[in-house]
PDB file of N, CA and C in Angstrom:
ATOM      1  N   MET A   1     -47.267 113.694  59.523  1.00  0.00           N
ATOM      2  CA  MET A   1     -46.432 113.758  60.823  1.00  0.00           C
ATOM      3  C   MET A   1     -45.495 114.671  60.702  1.00  0.00           C
ATOM      4  N   GLY A   2     -45.241 115.772  61.537  1.00  0.00           N
ATOM      5  CA  GLY A   2     -44.289 116.752  61.403  1.00  0.00           C
ATOM      6  C   GLY A   2     -42.917 116.174  61.917  1.00  0.00           C
ATOM      7  N   ARG A   3     -41.840 116.749  61.293  1.00  0.00           N
ATOM      8  CA  ARG A   3     -40.667 116.155  61.700  1.00  0.00           C
ATOM      9  C   ARG A   3     -40.055 116.971  62.897  1.00  0.00           C
ATOM     10  N   ILE A   4     -40.630 116.875  63.904  1.00  0.00           N
ATOM     11  CA  ILE A   4     -40.301 117.819  65.094  1.00  0.00           C
ATOM     12  C   ILE A   4     -39.925 116.936  66.362  1.00  0.00           C
ATOM     13  N   CYS A   5     -38.912 117.149  67.054  1.00  0.00           N
ATOM     14  CA  CYS A   5     -38.447 116.608  68.297  1.00  0.00           C
ATOM     15  C   CYS A   5     -39.594 116.839  69.456  1.00  0.00           C
ATOM     16  N   GLU A   6     -39.966 115.805  70.070  1.00  0.00           N
ATOM     17  CA  GLU A   6     -41.047 116.039  71.100  1.00  0.00           C
ATOM     18  C   GLU A   6     -40.473 116.581  72.440  1.00  0.00           C
ATOM     19  N   LEU A   7     -39.166 116.580  72.577  1.00  0.00           N
ATOM     20  CA  LEU A   7     -38.562 117.123  73.742  1.00  0.00           C
ATOM     21  C   LEU A   7     -38.087 118.494  73.590  1.00  0.00           C
ATOM     22  N   THR A   8     -37.239 118.655  72.636  1.00  0.00           N
ATOM     23  CA  THR A   8     -36.547 119.928  72.268  1.00  0.00           C
ATOM     24  C   THR A   8     -37.343 120.945  71.393  1.00  0.00           C
ATOM     25  N   GLY A   9     -38.201 120.326  70.554  1.00  0.00           N
ATOM     26  CA  GLY A   9     -38.871 121.136  69.547  1.00  0.00           C
ATOM     27  C   GLY A   9     -38.217 121.417  68.292  1.00  0.00           C
ATOM     28  N   THR A  10     -37.050 120.812  68.033  1.00  0.00           N
ATOM     29  CA  THR A  10     -36.206 121.018  66.918  1.00  0.00           C
ATOM     30  C   THR A  10     -36.770 120.617  65.698  1.00  0.00           C
ATOM     31  N   GLY A  11     -36.972 121.316  64.691  1.00  0.00           N
ATOM     32  CA  GLY A  11     -37.671 121.104  63.367  1.00  0.00           C
ATOM     33  C   GLY A  11     -36.795 121.236  62.241  1.00  0.00           C
ATOM     34  N   PRO A  12     -37.211 121.188  61.098  1.00  0.00           N
ATOM     35  CA  PRO A  12     -36.480 121.396  59.780  1.00  0.00           C
ATOM     36  C   PRO A  12     -35.869 122.808  59.737  1.00  0.00           C
ATOM     37  N   ILE A  13     -34.701 122.984  59.159  1.00  0.00           N
ATOM     38  CA  ILE A  13     -34.200 124.329  58.955  1.00  0.00           C
ATOM     39  C   ILE A  13     -33.983 124.489  57.498  1.00  0.00           C
ATOM     40  N   LYS A  14     -34.158 125.813  57.135  1.00  0.00           N
ATOM     41  CA  LYS A  14     -33.986 126.206  55.660  1.00  0.00           C
ATOM     42  C   LYS A  14     -32.482 126.420  55.429  1.00  0.00           C
ATOM     43  N   GLY A  15     -32.266 126.131  54.110  1.00  0.00           N
ATOM     44  CA  GLY A  15     -30.873 126.294  53.821  1.00  0.00           C
ATOM     45  C   GLY A  15     -30.719 126.244  52.128  1.00  0.00           C
ATOM     46  N   SER A  16     -29.524 126.170  51.577  1.00  0.00           N
ATOM     47  CA  SER A  16     -29.481 126.118  50.002  1.00  0.00           C
ATOM     48  C   SER A  16     -28.386 125.197  49.699  1.00  0.00           C
ATOM     49  N   HIS A  17     -28.682 124.601  48.568  1.00  0.00           N
ATOM     50  CA  HIS A  17     -27.660 123.795  47.869  1.00  0.00           C
ATOM     51  C   HIS A  17     -27.014 124.575  46.741  1.00  0.00           C
ATOM     52  N   ILE A  18     -25.573 124.669  46.979  1.00  0.00           N
ATOM     53  CA  ILE A  18     -24.821 125.493  45.971  1.00  0.00           C
ATOM     54  C   ILE A  18     -24.102 124.642  45.035  1.00  0.00           C
ATOM     55  N   TRP A  19     -24.296 124.901  43.645  1.00  0.00           N
ATOM     56  CA  TRP A  19     -23.476 124.204  42.587  1.00  0.00           C
ATOM     57  C   TRP A  19     -22.338 125.065  42.177  1.00  0.00           C
ATOM     58  N   ARG A  20     -21.246 124.410  42.092  1.00  0.00           N
ATOM     59  CA  ARG A  20     -20.140 125.125  41.599  1.00  0.00           C
ATOM     60  C   ARG A  20     -19.471 124.383  40.301  1.00  0.00           C
ATOM     61  N   SER A  21     -18.811 125.174  39.504  1.00  0.00           N
ATOM     62  CA  SER A  21     -18.336 124.502  38.451  1.00  0.00           C
ATOM     63  C   SER A  21     -16.773 125.158  38.337  1.00  0.00           C
ATOM     64  N   GLY A  22     -15.959 124.507  37.665  1.00  0.00           N
ATOM     65  CA  GLY A  22     -14.550 124.963  37.570  1.00  0.00           C
ATOM     66  C   GLY A  22     -13.511 124.141  38.362  1.00  0.00           C
ATOM     67  N   LYS A  23     -12.317 124.310  38.231  1.00  0.00           N
ATOM     68  CA  LYS A  23     -11.337 123.675  39.009  1.00  0.00           C
ATOM     69  C   LYS A  23     -10.679 124.641  39.981  1.00  0.00           C
ATOM     70  N   ALA A  24     -10.472 124.270  41.229  1.00  0.00           N
ATOM     71  CA  ALA A  24      -9.834 125.165  42.178  1.00  0.00           C
ATOM     72  C   ALA A  24      -8.319 125.553  41.669  1.00  0.00           C
ATOM     73  N   LYS A  25      -8.023 126.691  42.189  1.00  0.00           N
ATOM     74  CA  LYS A  25      -6.766 127.330  41.767  1.00  0.00           C
ATOM     75  C   LYS A  25      -5.738 126.554  42.462  1.00  0.00           C
ATOM     76  N   LYS A  26      -5.952 126.039  43.683  1.00  0.00           N
ATOM     77  CA  LYS A  26      -4.979 125.177  44.417  1.00  0.00           C
ATOM     78  C   LYS A  26      -4.522 124.022  43.435  1.00  0.00           C
ATOM     79  N   LYS A  27      -5.539 123.611  42.664  1.00  0.00           N
ATOM     80  CA  LYS A  27      -5.326 122.298  41.919  1.00  0.00           C
ATOM     81  C   LYS A  27      -5.036 122.558  40.383  1.00  0.00           C
ATOM     82  N   GLY A  28      -4.670 123.981  40.069  1.00  0.00           N
ATOM     83  CA  GLY A  28      -4.307 124.264  38.790  1.00  0.00           C
ATOM     84  C   GLY A  28      -5.270 124.877  37.923  1.00  0.00           C
ATOM     85  N   GLY A  29      -6.443 125.234  38.339  1.00  0.00           N
ATOM     86  CA  GLY A  29      -7.363 125.744  37.619  1.00  0.00           C
ATOM     87  C   GLY A  29      -7.476 127.156  37.722  1.00  0.00           C
ATOM     88  N   ILE A  30      -8.654 127.778  37.132  1.00  0.00           N
ATOM     89  CA  ILE A  30      -8.761 129.184  37.253  1.00  0.00           C
ATOM     90  C   ILE A  30      -9.704 129.777  38.393  1.00  0.00           C
ATOM     91  N   GLY A  31     -10.043 128.704  39.161  1.00  0.00           N
ATOM     92  CA  GLY A  31     -11.067 129.003  40.302  1.00  0.00           C
ATOM     93  C   GLY A  31     -12.491 128.541  39.992  1.00  0.00           C
ATOM     94  N   THR A  32     -13.188 128.223  41.119  1.00  0.00           N
ATOM     95  CA  THR A  32     -14.517 127.730  40.965  1.00  0.00           C
ATOM     96  C   THR A  32     -15.600 128.929  41.007  1.00  0.00           C
ATOM     97  N   HIS A  33     -16.693 128.801  40.353  1.00  0.00           N
ATOM     98  CA  HIS A  33     -17.695 129.675  40.253  1.00  0.00           C
ATOM     99  C   HIS A  33     -19.075 129.120  40.570  1.00  0.00           C
ATOM    100  N   VAL A  34     -19.934 129.821  41.263  1.00  0.00           N
ATOM    101  CA  VAL A  34     -21.193 129.414  41.551  1.00  0.00           C
ATOM    102  C   VAL A  34     -22.074 129.565  40.371  1.00  0.00           C
ATOM    103  N   THR A  35     -22.755 128.251  39.878  1.00  0.00           N
ATOM    104  CA  THR A  35     -23.580 128.384  38.779  1.00  0.00           C
ATOM    105  C   THR A  35     -25.195 128.430  39.020  1.00  0.00           C
ATOM    106  N   ALA A  36     -25.370 127.818  40.186  1.00  0.00           N
ATOM    107  CA  ALA A  36     -26.788 127.778  40.663  1.00  0.00           C
ATOM    108  C   ALA A  36     -26.953 127.571  42.263  1.00  0.00           C
ATOM    109  N   ILE A  37     -27.870 128.060  42.661  1.00  0.00           N
ATOM    110  CA  ILE A  37     -28.423 127.934  44.072  1.00  0.00           C
ATOM    111  C   ILE A  37     -29.872 127.611  44.164  1.00  0.00           C
ATOM    112  N   THR A  38     -30.100 126.453  44.925  1.00  0.00           N
ATOM    113  CA  THR A  38     -31.424 125.994  44.995  1.00  0.00           C
ATOM    114  C   THR A  38     -31.758 125.913  46.485  1.00  0.00           C
ATOM    115  N   LYS A  39     -33.107 126.090  46.881  1.00  0.00           N
ATOM    116  CA  LYS A  39     -33.399 125.952  48.155  1.00  0.00           C
ATOM    117  C   LYS A  39     -33.564 124.433  48.662  1.00  0.00           C
ATOM    118  N   ARG A  40     -33.343 124.086  49.977  1.00  0.00           N
ATOM    119  CA  ARG A  40     -33.343 122.799  50.510  1.00  0.00           C
ATOM    120  C   ARG A  40     -33.570 122.952  52.008  1.00  0.00           C
ATOM    121  N   ARG A  41     -33.926 121.798  52.556  1.00  0.00           N
ATOM    122  CA  ARG A  41     -34.257 121.771  54.103  1.00  0.00           C
ATOM    123  C   ARG A  41     -33.434 120.742  54.662  1.00  0.00           C
ATOM    124  N   PHE A  42     -32.913 121.102  55.823  1.00  0.00           N
ATOM    125  CA  PHE A  42     -31.996 120.237  56.714  1.00  0.00           C
ATOM    126  C   PHE A  42     -33.010 119.733  57.811  1.00  0.00           C
ATOM    127  N   PHE A  43     -33.188 118.343  57.734  1.00  0.00           N
ATOM    128  CA  PHE A  43     -34.103 117.674  58.832  1.00  0.00           C
ATOM    129  C   PHE A  43     -33.228 117.210  59.863  1.00  0.00           C
ATOM    130  N   PRO A  44     -33.879 117.239  61.124  1.00  0.00           N
ATOM    131  CA  PRO A  44     -33.310 116.800  62.289  1.00  0.00           C
ATOM    132  C   PRO A  44     -33.189 115.260  62.313  1.00  0.00           C
ATOM    133  N   ASN A  45     -32.179 114.723  63.091  1.00  0.00           N
ATOM    134  CA  ASN A  45     -32.133 113.317  63.124  1.00  0.00           C
ATOM    135  C   ASN A  45     -33.013 112.684  64.074  1.00  0.00           C
ATOM    136  N   LEU A  46     -34.166 112.343  63.719  1.00  0.00           N
ATOM    137  CA  LEU A  46     -35.168 111.933  64.732  1.00  0.00           C
ATOM    138  C   LEU A  46     -35.039 110.400  64.925  1.00  0.00           C
ATOM    139  N   GLN A  47     -35.296 109.928  66.174  1.00  0.00           N
ATOM    140  CA  GLN A  47     -35.090 108.446  66.470  1.00  0.00           C
ATOM    141  C   GLN A  47     -36.499 108.135  67.240  1.00  0.00           C
ATOM    142  N   ARG A  48     -37.062 107.044  67.038  1.00  0.00           N
ATOM    143  CA  ARG A  48     -38.239 106.456  67.649  1.00  0.00           C
ATOM    144  C   ARG A  48     -37.969 105.743  68.942  1.00  0.00           C
ATOM    145  N   VAL A  49     -38.131 106.270  70.139  1.00  0.00           N
ATOM    146  CA  VAL A  49     -37.484 105.589  71.395  1.00  0.00           C
ATOM    147  C   VAL A  49     -38.444 105.269  72.402  1.00  0.00           C
ATOM    148  N   LYS A  50     -38.478 104.325  72.957  1.00  0.00           N
ATOM    149  CA  LYS A  50     -39.260 103.929  74.277  1.00  0.00           C
ATOM    150  C   LYS A  50     -38.679 104.515  75.334  1.00  0.00           C
ATOM    151  N   ALA A  51     -39.526 105.677  75.911  1.00  0.00           N
ATOM    152  CA  ALA A  51     -39.055 106.417  76.914  1.00  0.00           C
ATOM    153  C   ALA A  51     -40.218 106.346  78.044  1.00  0.00           C
ATOM    154  N   LEU A  52     -39.766 106.712  79.327  1.00  0.00           N
ATOM    155  CA  LEU A  52     -40.567 106.813  80.614  1.00  0.00           C
ATOM    156  C   LEU A  52     -41.003 108.255  80.610  1.00  0.00           C
ATOM    157  N   ILE A  53     -42.334 108.575  80.471  1.00  0.00           N
ATOM    158  CA  ILE A  53     -42.817 109.893  80.489  1.00  0.00           C
ATOM    159  C   ILE A  53     -43.948 109.881  81.380  1.00  0.00           C
ATOM    160  N   ASP A  54     -43.733 110.773  82.539  1.00  0.00           N
ATOM    161  CA  ASP A  54     -44.902 110.832  83.537  1.00  0.00           C
ATOM    162  C   ASP A  54     -45.377 109.588  84.157  1.00  0.00           C
ATOM    163  N   GLY A  55     -44.310 108.791  84.237  1.00  0.00           N
ATOM    164  CA  GLY A  55     -44.601 107.433  84.958  1.00  0.00           C
ATOM    165  C   GLY A  55     -44.959 106.356  84.117  1.00  0.00           C
ATOM    166  N   GLU A  56     -45.314 106.564  82.748  1.00  0.00           N
ATOM    167  CA  GLU A  56     -45.742 105.445  81.721  1.00  0.00           C
ATOM    168  C   GLU A  56     -44.759 105.343  80.710  1.00  0.00           C
ATOM    169  N   VAL A  57     -44.635 104.191  80.068  1.00  0.00           N
ATOM    170  CA  VAL A  57     -43.766 103.877  78.985  1.00  0.00           C
ATOM    171  C   VAL A  57     -44.451 104.040  77.708  1.00  0.00           C
ATOM    172  N   ARG A  58     -43.985 105.010  76.791  1.00  0.00           N
ATOM    173  CA  ARG A  58     -44.547 105.276  75.541  1.00  0.00           C
ATOM    174  C   ARG A  58     -43.343 105.652  74.540  1.00  0.00           C
ATOM    175  N   TYR A  59     -43.797 105.434  73.170  1.00  0.00           N
ATOM    176  CA  TYR A  59     -42.768 105.703  72.194  1.00  0.00           C
ATOM    177  C   TYR A  59     -42.817 107.339  71.908  1.00  0.00           C
ATOM    178  N   VAL A  60     -41.636 107.823  71.745  1.00  0.00           N
ATOM    179  CA  VAL A  60     -41.496 109.203  71.308  1.00  0.00           C
ATOM    180  C   VAL A  60     -40.537 109.414  70.273  1.00  0.00           C
ATOM    181  N   ARG A  61     -40.514 110.606  69.499  1.00  0.00           N
ATOM    182  CA  ARG A  61     -39.791 110.870  68.432  1.00  0.00           C
ATOM    183  C   ARG A  61     -38.846 111.964  68.957  1.00  0.00           C
ATOM    184  N   VAL A  62     -37.593 111.724  69.236  1.00  0.00           N
ATOM    185  CA  VAL A  62     -36.699 112.631  69.713  1.00  0.00           C
ATOM    186  C   VAL A  62     -35.400 112.652  68.847  1.00  0.00           C
ATOM    187  N   THR A  63     -34.675 113.793  68.823  1.00  0.00           N
ATOM    188  CA  THR A  63     -33.426 113.977  68.111  1.00  0.00           C
ATOM    189  C   THR A  63     -32.375 113.094  68.729  1.00  0.00           C
ATOM    190  N   ALA A  64     -31.400 112.652  67.983  1.00  0.00           N
ATOM    191  CA  ALA A  64     -30.344 111.788  68.435  1.00  0.00           C
ATOM    192  C   ALA A  64     -29.483 112.791  69.464  1.00  0.00           C
ATOM    193  N   SER A  65     -29.286 114.125  69.167  1.00  0.00           N
ATOM    194  CA  SER A  65     -28.606 114.935  70.101  1.00  0.00           C
ATOM    195  C   SER A  65     -29.294 114.989  71.488  1.00  0.00           C
ATOM    196  N   ALA A  66     -30.598 114.888  71.630  1.00  0.00           N
ATOM    197  CA  ALA A  66     -31.225 114.908  72.899  1.00  0.00           C
ATOM    198  C   ALA A  66     -31.193 113.571  73.588  1.00  0.00           C
ATOM    199  N   ILE A  67     -30.969 112.389  72.935  1.00  0.00           N
ATOM    200  CA  ILE A  67     -30.627 111.153  73.479  1.00  0.00           C
ATOM    201  C   ILE A  67     -29.309 111.210  74.073  1.00  0.00           C
ATOM    202  N   LYS A  68     -28.321 111.873  73.396  1.00  0.00           N
ATOM    203  CA  LYS A  68     -26.838 111.941  73.809  1.00  0.00           C
ATOM    204  C   LYS A  68     -26.866 112.867  74.986  1.00  0.00           C
ATOM    205  N   LYS A  69     -27.488 113.905  75.038  1.00  0.00           N
ATOM    206  CA  LYS A  69     -27.520 114.867  76.146  1.00  0.00           C
ATOM    207  C   LYS A  69     -28.033 114.027  77.386  1.00  0.00           C
ATOM    208  N   GLY A  70     -28.782 113.106  77.345  1.00  0.00           N
ATOM    209  CA  GLY A  70     -29.463 112.394  78.597  1.00  0.00           C
ATOM    210  C   GLY A  70     -30.781 113.071  78.811  1.00  0.00           C
ATOM    211  N   LEU A  71     -31.512 113.613  77.944  1.00  0.00           N
ATOM    212  CA  LEU A  71     -32.665 114.250  78.083  1.00  0.00           C
ATOM    213  C   LEU A  71     -33.745 113.041  78.101  1.00  0.00           C
ATOM    214  N   VAL A  72     -33.499 112.106  77.643  1.00  0.00           N
ATOM    215  CA  VAL A  72     -34.524 110.860  77.517  1.00  0.00           C
ATOM    216  C   VAL A  72     -34.122 109.927  78.560  1.00  0.00           C
ATOM    217  N   THR A  73     -35.263 109.403  79.427  1.00  0.00           N
ATOM    218  CA  THR A  73     -34.917 108.335  80.392  1.00  0.00           C
ATOM    219  C   THR A  73     -35.556 107.081  79.780  1.00  0.00           C
ATOM    220  N   LYS A  74     -34.775 106.087  79.282  1.00  0.00           N
ATOM    221  CA  LYS A  74     -35.088 104.949  78.574  1.00  0.00           C
ATOM    222  C   LYS A  74     -36.051 104.152  79.391  1.00  0.00           C
ATOM    223  N   ALA A  75     -37.011 103.402  78.809  1.00  0.00           N
ATOM    224  CA  ALA A  75     -37.971 102.350  79.559  1.00  0.00           C
ATOM    225  C   ALA A  75     -37.012 101.307  80.072  1.00  0.00           C
ATOM    226  N   PRO A  76     -37.564 100.717  81.369  1.00  0.00           N
ATOM    227  CA  PRO A  76     -36.869  99.758  81.861  1.00  0.00           C
ATOM    228  C   PRO A  76     -37.215  98.380  81.123  1.00  0.00           C
ATOM    229  N   LYS A  77     -36.342  97.426  81.128  1.00  0.00           N
ATOM    230  CA  LYS A  77     -36.470  96.070  80.578  1.00  0.00           C
ATOM    231  C   LYS A  77     -37.894  95.403  81.077  1.00  0.00           C
ATOM    232  N   ARG A  78     -38.544  94.807  80.359  1.00  0.00           N
ATOM    233  CA  ARG A  78     -39.831  94.070  80.798  1.00  0.00           C
ATOM    234  C   ARG A  78     -39.272  92.799  81.744  1.00  0.00           C
ATOM    235  N   THR A  79     -40.069  92.659  82.706  1.00  0.00           N
ATOM    236  CA  THR A  79     -39.696  91.371  83.585  1.00  0.00           C
ATOM    237  C   THR A  79     -40.824  90.459  83.547  1.00  0.00           C
ATOM    238  N   TRP A  80     -41.818  90.612  82.720  1.00  0.00           N
ATOM    239  CA  TRP A  80     -42.988  89.859  82.607  1.00  0.00           C
ATOM    240  C   TRP A  80     -42.663  88.521  82.117  1.00  0.00           C
ATOM    241  N   LYS A  81     -43.177  87.280  82.786  1.00  0.00           N
ATOM    242  CA  LYS A  81     -42.963  86.045  82.374  1.00  0.00           C
ATOM    243  C   LYS A  81     -44.329  85.525  82.051  1.00  0.00           C
ATOM    244  N   LYS A  82     -44.280  84.401  81.219  1.00  0.00           N
ATOM    245  CA  LYS A  82     -45.613  83.652  80.653  1.00  0.00           C
ATOM    246  C   LYS A  82     -45.949  82.998  81.818  1.00  0.00           C
ATOM    247  N   PRO A  83     -47.297  82.908  82.280  1.00  0.00           N
ATOM    248  CA  PRO A  83     -47.855  81.981  83.313  1.00  0.00           C
ATOM    249  C   PRO A  83     -47.655  80.625  83.093  1.00  0.00           C
ATOM    250  N   VAL A  84     -47.253  79.681  84.048  1.00  0.00           N
ATOM    251  CA  VAL A  84     -47.031  78.414  83.859  1.00  0.00           C
ATOM    252  C   VAL A  84     -48.349  77.516  83.861  1.00  0.00           C
ATOM    253  N   ALA A  85     -48.601  76.831  82.907  1.00  0.00           N
ATOM    254  CA  ALA A  85     -49.938  76.075  82.840  1.00  0.00           C
ATOM    255  C   ALA A  85     -49.989  75.069  83.953  1.00  0.00           C
ATOM    256  N   ALA A  86     -51.057  74.893  84.716  1.00  0.00           N
ATOM    257  CA  ALA A  86     -51.150  73.862  85.730  1.00  0.00           C
ATOM    258  C   ALA A  86     -51.239  72.468  85.282  1.00  0.00           C
TER     259      ALA A  86
END
């Protein structure tokens, strides 16, 4: 399953993790130096939400930012009651 938002299409982004060694000049050292850079991925904050899509309720995987922006209409609460036995 791809880590992609079903509404906005937001997916993972490439980046790098930077290792530094040494003490900052501000803290009394001779400055920090980069010792290694490795590749990494930044994943979107996906949430599984019950949403109303085309008149039907279904689960979708959307980013938290899409939920905050109001792009998702949440499903109404169920009003179903158990039938009473005669």
